[in-house]
Amino acid sequence: MSWLSYALVSAAAAAATAILAKIGIEGVPSTLATAIRTVVVTVFAWALVFGLDQQRAIPNVSRRAWLFLALSGLATGVSWLAYFRALQMAPASWVAPIDKLSLPFTIILAALWLREPVTWQVATGVALMAIGALVTRA
């Protein structure tokens, strides 16, 4: 599969996540719901690691990679906790578009930290997407 195929699968799964989480979080504290979700993700990911025999690569993971993967995990945790709390407080159709404002933040951080280029087409597209996310809640 190409990167675009994986990205589309990711987008579809994220959409399902919003709906499934909104249904599942009813009557459950948001932090507990996030913890349950995290256990499921952890078991699923490790099952794939062992199923694909990738555990052999663990000794080759550098300290730098461990650090940044750990920081990424912390950021994911904060994101999930905030997302589940937002879903408890508002409809999924309001929360999901605002959550997608991560796109302009990602583009900005990628330009600053990773030195990725931002063309006028990317800037325009991201600006339109951000406006769209904000308009859905207006």
C-alpha atoms as a PDB file:
ATOM      1  CA  MET A   1       0.000   0.000   0.000  1.00  0.00           C
ATOM      2  CA  SER A   2       1.108   3.568  -0.621  1.00  0.00           C
ATOM      3  CA  TRP A   3       1.426   6.310   1.991  1.00  0.00           C
ATOM      4  CA  LEU A   4      -1.834   7.784   0.693  1.00  0.00           C
ATOM      5  CA  SER A   5      -3.670   4.490   1.233  1.00  0.00           C
ATOM      6  CA  TYR A   6      -2.397   4.326   4.811  1.00  0.00           C
ATOM      7  CA  ALA A   7      -3.344   7.979   5.373  1.00  0.00           C
ATOM      8  CA  LEU A   8      -6.889   7.314   4.121  1.00  0.00           C
ATOM      9  CA  VAL A   9      -7.187   4.253   6.372  1.00  0.00           C
ATOM     10  CA  SER A  10      -5.990   6.452   9.243  1.00  0.00           C
ATOM     11  CA  ALA A  11      -8.614   9.105   8.437  1.00  0.00           C
ATOM     12  CA  ALA A  12     -11.416   6.523   8.238  1.00  0.00           C
ATOM     13  CA  ALA A  13     -10.313   4.904  11.504  1.00  0.00           C
ATOM     14  CA  ALA A  14     -10.146   8.323  13.187  1.00  0.00           C
ATOM     15  CA  ALA A  15     -13.706   9.022  12.043  1.00  0.00           C
ATOM     16  CA  ALA A  16     -14.846   5.693  13.469  1.00  0.00           C
ATOM     17  CA  THR A  17     -12.945   6.488  16.665  1.00  0.00           C
ATOM     18  CA  ALA A  18     -14.971   9.650  17.229  1.00  0.00           C
ATOM     19  CA  ILE A  19     -18.309   7.896  16.807  1.00  0.00           C
ATOM     20  CA  LEU A  20     -17.387   4.763  18.756  1.00  0.00           C
ATOM     21  CA  ALA A  21     -15.834   6.808  21.567  1.00  0.00           C
ATOM     22  CA  LYS A  22     -18.858   9.106  21.796  1.00  0.00           C
ATOM     23  CA  ILE A  23     -21.122   6.066  22.222  1.00  0.00           C
ATOM     24  CA  GLY A  24     -18.741   4.257  24.582  1.00  0.00           C
ATOM     25  CA  ILE A  25     -17.985   7.180  26.857  1.00  0.00           C
ATOM     26  CA  GLU A  26     -21.579   7.561  28.051  1.00  0.00           C
ATOM     27  CA  GLY A  27     -21.579   7.169  31.825  1.00  0.00           C
ATOM     28  CA  VAL A  28     -17.831   6.501  31.966  1.00  0.00           C
ATOM     29  CA  PRO A  29     -15.311   9.035  33.366  1.00  0.00           C
ATOM     30  CA  SER A  30     -13.220  10.369  30.483  1.00  0.00           C
ATOM     31  CA  THR A  31      -9.890   9.431  32.068  1.00  0.00           C
ATOM     32  CA  LEU A  32     -11.051   5.850  32.687  1.00  0.00           C
ATOM     33  CA  ALA A  33     -12.346   5.654  29.112  1.00  0.00           C
ATOM     34  CA  THR A  34      -8.963   6.848  27.838  1.00  0.00           C
ATOM     35  CA  ALA A  35      -7.158   4.262  29.986  1.00  0.00           C
ATOM     36  CA  ILE A  36      -9.359   1.465  28.630  1.00  0.00           C
ATOM     37  CA  ARG A  37      -8.730   2.642  25.072  1.00  0.00           C
ATOM     38  CA  THR A  38      -5.003   2.813  25.760  1.00  0.00           C
ATOM     39  CA  VAL A  39      -4.877  -0.781  27.014  1.00  0.00           C
ATOM     40  CA  VAL A  40      -6.660  -1.950  23.876  1.00  0.00           C
ATOM     41  CA  VAL A  41      -4.271   0.003  21.644  1.00  0.00           C
ATOM     42  CA  THR A  42      -1.266  -1.319  23.585  1.00  0.00           C
ATOM     43  CA  VAL A  43      -2.351  -4.967  23.334  1.00  0.00           C
ATOM     44  CA  PHE A  44      -3.207  -4.547  19.647  1.00  0.00           C
ATOM     45  CA  ALA A  45       0.122  -2.858  18.815  1.00  0.00           C
ATOM     46  CA  TRP A  46       2.207  -5.457  20.681  1.00  0.00           C
ATOM     47  CA  ALA A  47       0.256  -8.277  19.027  1.00  0.00           C
ATOM     48  CA  LEU A  48       1.232  -6.787  15.674  1.00  0.00           C
ATOM     49  CA  VAL A  49       4.871  -6.388  16.754  1.00  0.00           C
ATOM     50  CA  PHE A  50       5.109 -10.064  17.695  1.00  0.00           C
ATOM     51  CA  GLY A  51       2.911 -11.201  14.806  1.00  0.00           C
ATOM     52  CA  LEU A  52       5.243  -9.477  12.360  1.00  0.00           C
ATOM     53  CA  ASP A  53       8.348 -10.592  14.307  1.00  0.00           C
ATOM     54  CA  GLN A  54       9.467  -6.983  14.791  1.00  0.00           C
ATOM     55  CA  GLN A  55      10.398  -7.398  18.469  1.00  0.00           C
ATOM     56  CA  ARG A  56      13.874  -8.375  17.264  1.00  0.00           C
ATOM     57  CA  ALA A  57      14.488  -4.726  16.357  1.00  0.00           C
ATOM     58  CA  ILE A  58      14.096  -3.520  19.964  1.00  0.00           C
ATOM     59  CA  PRO A  59      17.848  -3.669  20.782  1.00  0.00           C
ATOM     60  CA  ASN A  60      18.552  -1.508  17.718  1.00  0.00           C
ATOM     61  CA  VAL A  61      16.335   1.375  18.828  1.00  0.00           C
ATOM     62  CA  SER A  62      18.574   4.340  19.670  1.00  0.00           C
ATOM     63  CA  ARG A  63      18.316   6.418  22.840  1.00  0.00           C
ATOM     64  CA  ARG A  64      17.236   9.368  20.726  1.00  0.00           C
ATOM     65  CA  ALA A  65      14.435   7.312  19.177  1.00  0.00           C
ATOM     66  CA  TRP A  66      13.334   6.107  22.649  1.00  0.00           C
ATOM     67  CA  LEU A  67      13.251   9.705  23.885  1.00  0.00           C
ATOM     68  CA  PHE A  68      11.228  11.074  20.991  1.00  0.00           C
ATOM     69  CA  LEU A  69       8.870   8.087  20.914  1.00  0.00           C
ATOM     70  CA  ALA A  70       8.287   8.521  24.657  1.00  0.00           C
ATOM     71  CA  LEU A  71       7.590  12.241  24.175  1.00  0.00           C
ATOM     72  CA  SER A  72       5.252  11.371  21.321  1.00  0.00           C
ATOM     73  CA  GLY A  73       3.484   8.908  23.613  1.00  0.00           C
ATOM     74  CA  LEU A  74       3.023  11.613  26.246  1.00  0.00           C
ATOM     75  CA  ALA A  75       1.625  13.983  23.621  1.00  0.00           C
ATOM     76  CA  THR A  76      -0.733  11.233  22.447  1.00  0.00           C
ATOM     77  CA  GLY A  77      -1.892  10.693  26.019  1.00  0.00           C
ATOM     78  CA  VAL A  78      -2.627  14.380  26.516  1.00  0.00           C
ATOM     79  CA  SER A  79      -4.432  14.470  23.163  1.00  0.00           C
ATOM     80  CA  TRP A  80      -6.569  11.416  23.959  1.00  0.00           C
ATOM     81  CA  LEU A  81      -7.447  12.624  27.460  1.00  0.00           C
ATOM     82  CA  ALA A  82      -8.501  16.031  26.147  1.00  0.00           C
ATOM     83  CA  TYR A  83     -10.368  14.476  23.206  1.00  0.00           C
ATOM     84  CA  PHE A  84     -12.399  12.121  25.401  1.00  0.00           C
ATOM     85  CA  ARG A  85     -13.223  14.930  27.827  1.00  0.00           C
ATOM     86  CA  ALA A  86     -14.333  17.130  24.931  1.00  0.00           C
ATOM     87  CA  LEU A  87     -16.508  14.276  23.608  1.00  0.00           C
ATOM     88  CA  GLN A  88     -18.211  14.085  26.991  1.00  0.00           C
ATOM     89  CA  MET A  89     -18.986  17.774  26.859  1.00  0.00           C
ATOM     90  CA  ALA A  90     -20.012  18.296  23.226  1.00  0.00           C
ATOM     91  CA  PRO A  91     -21.315  16.450  20.157  1.00  0.00           C
ATOM     92  CA  ALA A  92     -18.784  14.478  18.118  1.00  0.00           C
ATOM     93  CA  SER A  93     -19.681  16.638  15.102  1.00  0.00           C
ATOM     94  CA  TRP A  94     -18.311  19.658  17.004  1.00  0.00           C
ATOM     95  CA  VAL A  95     -15.302  18.004  18.619  1.00  0.00           C
ATOM     96  CA  ALA A  96     -13.884  16.164  15.590  1.00  0.00           C
ATOM     97  CA  PRO A  97     -13.461  19.223  13.320  1.00  0.00           C
ATOM     98  CA  ILE A  98     -11.756  21.214  16.078  1.00  0.00           C
ATOM     99  CA  ASP A  99      -9.510  18.236  16.811  1.00  0.00           C
ATOM    100  CA  LYS A 100      -8.476  18.342  13.158  1.00  0.00           C
ATOM    101  CA  LEU A 101      -6.956  21.770  13.758  1.00  0.00           C
ATOM    102  CA  SER A 102      -3.941  19.626  14.555  1.00  0.00           C
ATOM    103  CA  LEU A 103      -3.272  19.894  10.814  1.00  0.00           C
ATOM    104  CA  PRO A 104      -2.164  23.540  10.787  1.00  0.00           C
ATOM    105  CA  PHE A 105      -0.225  22.974  14.023  1.00  0.00           C
ATOM    106  CA  THR A 106       1.526  20.005  12.387  1.00  0.00           C
ATOM    107  CA  ILE A 107       2.394  21.992   9.260  1.00  0.00           C
ATOM    108  CA  ILE A 108       3.817  24.842  11.357  1.00  0.00           C
ATOM    109  CA  LEU A 109       5.855  22.506  13.586  1.00  0.00           C
ATOM    110  CA  ALA A 110       7.076  20.514  10.567  1.00  0.00           C
ATOM    111  CA  ALA A 111       8.254  23.738   8.930  1.00  0.00           C
ATOM    112  CA  LEU A 112       9.986  24.988  12.085  1.00  0.00           C
ATOM    113  CA  TRP A 113      11.506  21.786  13.483  1.00  0.00           C
ATOM    114  CA  LEU A 114      11.865  19.541  10.438  1.00  0.00           C
ATOM    115  CA  ARG A 115      12.507  22.306   7.902  1.00  0.00           C
ATOM    116  CA  GLU A 116       9.759  20.920   5.643  1.00  0.00           C
ATOM    117  CA  PRO A 117       8.787  23.356   2.896  1.00  0.00           C
ATOM    118  CA  VAL A 118       5.421  25.116   2.982  1.00  0.00           C
ATOM    119  CA  THR A 119       4.320  26.041  -0.522  1.00  0.00           C
ATOM    120  CA  TRP A 120       1.553  28.523  -1.196  1.00  0.00           C
ATOM    121  CA  GLN A 121      -0.674  25.562  -2.182  1.00  0.00           C
ATOM    122  CA  VAL A 122      -0.080  23.870   1.190  1.00  0.00           C
ATOM    123  CA  ALA A 123      -0.614  27.127   3.083  1.00  0.00           C
ATOM    124  CA  THR A 124      -3.823  27.863   1.181  1.00  0.00           C
ATOM    125  CA  GLY A 125      -5.179  24.345   1.603  1.00  0.00           C
ATOM    126  CA  VAL A 126      -4.395  24.257   5.308  1.00  0.00           C
ATOM    127  CA  ALA A 127      -5.911  27.713   5.808  1.00  0.00           C
ATOM    128  CA  LEU A 128      -9.114  26.593   4.058  1.00  0.00           C
ATOM    129  CA  MET A 129      -9.238  23.434   6.160  1.00  0.00           C
ATOM    130  CA  ALA A 130      -8.731  25.443   9.350  1.00  0.00           C
ATOM    131  CA  ILE A 131     -11.464  27.880   8.331  1.00  0.00           C
ATOM    132  CA  GLY A 132     -13.708  24.918   7.573  1.00  0.00           C
ATOM    133  CA  ALA A 133     -13.063  23.393  10.990  1.00  0.00           C
ATOM    134  CA  LEU A 134     -13.896  26.673  12.690  1.00  0.00           C
ATOM    135  CA  VAL A 135     -16.992  27.309  10.537  1.00  0.00           C
ATOM    136  CA  THR A 136     -18.487  23.923  11.449  1.00  0.00           C
ATOM    137  CA  ARG A 137     -18.716  25.105  15.052  1.00  0.00           C
ATOM    138  CA  ALA A 138     -19.802  28.689  14.374  1.00  0.00           C
END
